[in-house]
Amino acid sequence: MDKDAAKKEFKKYEEMRMQMYDFFDRYIPKKSDGTYDFENGGQIDAKEAFDMFFKLDYQARKIRGIAINCLGIKPE
């Protein structure tokens, strides 16, 4: 994979990650220190949360493969 294609995959991951945080921001209030307040948060759509997590996880695994190939790491 060339450098530009790899950059595109990393950018896609970052965009998906930000979408996940935007989702949390919509449903979960934050404490005064900026961390999420899960104890006092509202209900979230479990299917939507899982779908976003699954896509993010898939992209992370894809990037892992790219990094391993670029670094020439052999499976143990």
C-alpha atoms as a PDB file:
ATOM      1  CA  MET A   1       0.000   0.000   0.000  1.00  0.00           C
ATOM      2  CA  ASP A   2       1.369   3.391  -0.891  1.00  0.00           C
ATOM      3  CA  LYS A   3       1.742   6.253   1.571  1.00  0.00           C
ATOM      4  CA  ASP A   4      -1.255   8.253   0.266  1.00  0.00           C
ATOM      5  CA  ALA A   5      -3.594   5.256   0.533  1.00  0.00           C
ATOM      6  CA  ALA A   6      -2.378   4.571   4.074  1.00  0.00           C
ATOM      7  CA  LYS A   7      -2.924   8.223   5.032  1.00  0.00           C
ATOM      8  CA  LYS A   8      -6.467   7.986   3.668  1.00  0.00           C
ATOM      9  CA  GLU A   9      -7.184   4.976   5.906  1.00  0.00           C
ATOM     10  CA  PHE A  10      -5.763   6.754   8.970  1.00  0.00           C
ATOM     11  CA  LYS A  11      -7.877   9.835   8.192  1.00  0.00           C
ATOM     12  CA  LYS A  12     -10.972   7.640   7.864  1.00  0.00           C
ATOM     13  CA  TYR A  13     -10.222   6.154  11.293  1.00  0.00           C
ATOM     14  CA  GLU A  14      -9.868   9.605  12.870  1.00  0.00           C
ATOM     15  CA  GLU A  15     -13.176  10.731  11.337  1.00  0.00           C
ATOM     16  CA  MET A  16     -14.963   7.634  12.662  1.00  0.00           C
ATOM     17  CA  ARG A  17     -13.406   8.157  16.097  1.00  0.00           C
ATOM     18  CA  MET A  18     -14.670  11.748  16.188  1.00  0.00           C
ATOM     19  CA  GLN A  19     -18.158  10.568  15.169  1.00  0.00           C
ATOM     20  CA  MET A  20     -18.112   8.206  18.151  1.00  0.00           C
ATOM     21  CA  TYR A  21     -17.221  11.058  20.514  1.00  0.00           C
ATOM     22  CA  ASP A  22     -19.906  13.261  18.927  1.00  0.00           C
ATOM     23  CA  PHE A  23     -22.398  10.469  19.616  1.00  0.00           C
ATOM     24  CA  PHE A  24     -21.333  10.354  23.277  1.00  0.00           C
ATOM     25  CA  ASP A  25     -21.528  14.151  23.501  1.00  0.00           C
ATOM     26  CA  ARG A  26     -25.167  14.054  22.355  1.00  0.00           C
ATOM     27  CA  TYR A  27     -26.293  11.616  25.031  1.00  0.00           C
ATOM     28  CA  ILE A  28     -23.871  11.753  27.951  1.00  0.00           C
ATOM     29  CA  PRO A  29     -23.298  14.905  29.990  1.00  0.00           C
ATOM     30  CA  LYS A  30     -19.823  15.836  31.136  1.00  0.00           C
ATOM     31  CA  LYS A  31     -18.558  16.498  34.619  1.00  0.00           C
ATOM     32  CA  SER A  32     -16.913  19.791  35.517  1.00  0.00           C
ATOM     33  CA  ASP A  33     -13.509  18.237  34.798  1.00  0.00           C
ATOM     34  CA  GLY A  34     -14.571  17.387  31.218  1.00  0.00           C
ATOM     35  CA  THR A  35     -14.931  13.616  31.668  1.00  0.00           C
ATOM     36  CA  TYR A  36     -18.145  11.846  30.767  1.00  0.00           C
ATOM     37  CA  ASP A  37     -20.662  11.476  33.597  1.00  0.00           C
ATOM     38  CA  PHE A  38     -21.923   7.961  32.921  1.00  0.00           C
ATOM     39  CA  GLU A  39     -23.744   7.751  36.258  1.00  0.00           C
ATOM     40  CA  ASN A  40     -26.031  10.666  35.384  1.00  0.00           C
ATOM     41  CA  GLY A  41     -26.148  10.219  31.635  1.00  0.00           C
ATOM     42  CA  GLY A  42     -29.226   9.545  29.621  1.00  0.00           C
ATOM     43  CA  GLN A  43     -30.056   6.405  27.734  1.00  0.00           C
ATOM     44  CA  ILE A  44     -28.205   5.776  24.498  1.00  0.00           C
ATOM     45  CA  ASP A  45     -29.319   3.823  21.470  1.00  0.00           C
ATOM     46  CA  ALA A  46     -27.451   0.543  21.952  1.00  0.00           C
ATOM     47  CA  LYS A  47     -27.750  -0.492  18.294  1.00  0.00           C
ATOM     48  CA  GLU A  48     -26.393   2.844  17.069  1.00  0.00           C
ATOM     49  CA  ALA A  49     -23.541   2.685  19.619  1.00  0.00           C
ATOM     50  CA  PHE A  50     -22.662  -0.899  18.618  1.00  0.00           C
ATOM     51  CA  ASP A  51     -22.794  -0.102  14.888  1.00  0.00           C
ATOM     52  CA  MET A  52     -20.414   2.817  15.369  1.00  0.00           C
ATOM     53  CA  PHE A  53     -18.094   0.756  17.577  1.00  0.00           C
ATOM     54  CA  PHE A  54     -18.069  -2.149  15.105  1.00  0.00           C
ATOM     55  CA  LYS A  55     -17.129   0.146  12.208  1.00  0.00           C
ATOM     56  CA  LEU A  56     -14.459   1.874  14.292  1.00  0.00           C
ATOM     57  CA  ASP A  57     -13.045  -1.479  15.429  1.00  0.00           C
ATOM     58  CA  TYR A  58     -12.980  -2.779  11.847  1.00  0.00           C
ATOM     59  CA  GLN A  59     -11.110   0.317  10.696  1.00  0.00           C
ATOM     60  CA  ALA A  60      -8.648  -0.005  13.594  1.00  0.00           C
ATOM     61  CA  ARG A  61      -7.940  -3.622  12.636  1.00  0.00           C
ATOM     62  CA  LYS A  62      -7.457  -2.521   9.037  1.00  0.00           C
ATOM     63  CA  ILE A  63      -4.932   0.114  10.120  1.00  0.00           C
ATOM     64  CA  ARG A  64      -3.188  -2.441  12.328  1.00  0.00           C
ATOM     65  CA  GLY A  65      -2.582  -4.567   9.251  1.00  0.00           C
ATOM     66  CA  ILE A  66      -1.260  -1.566   7.335  1.00  0.00           C
ATOM     67  CA  ALA A  67       1.130  -0.681  10.173  1.00  0.00           C
ATOM     68  CA  ILE A  68       2.347  -4.273  10.505  1.00  0.00           C
ATOM     69  CA  ASN A  69       3.014  -4.502   6.769  1.00  0.00           C
ATOM     70  CA  CYS A  70       4.763  -1.125   6.666  1.00  0.00           C
ATOM     71  CA  LEU A  71       6.978  -2.031   9.608  1.00  0.00           C
ATOM     72  CA  GLY A  72       7.671  -5.515   8.264  1.00  0.00           C
ATOM     73  CA  ILE A  73       6.581  -7.243  11.460  1.00  0.00           C
ATOM     74  CA  LYS A  74       6.168 -11.011  11.145  1.00  0.00           C
ATOM     75  CA  PRO A  75       3.448 -12.851  13.105  1.00  0.00           C
ATOM     76  CA  GLU A  76       4.783 -14.842  16.054  1.00  0.00           C
END
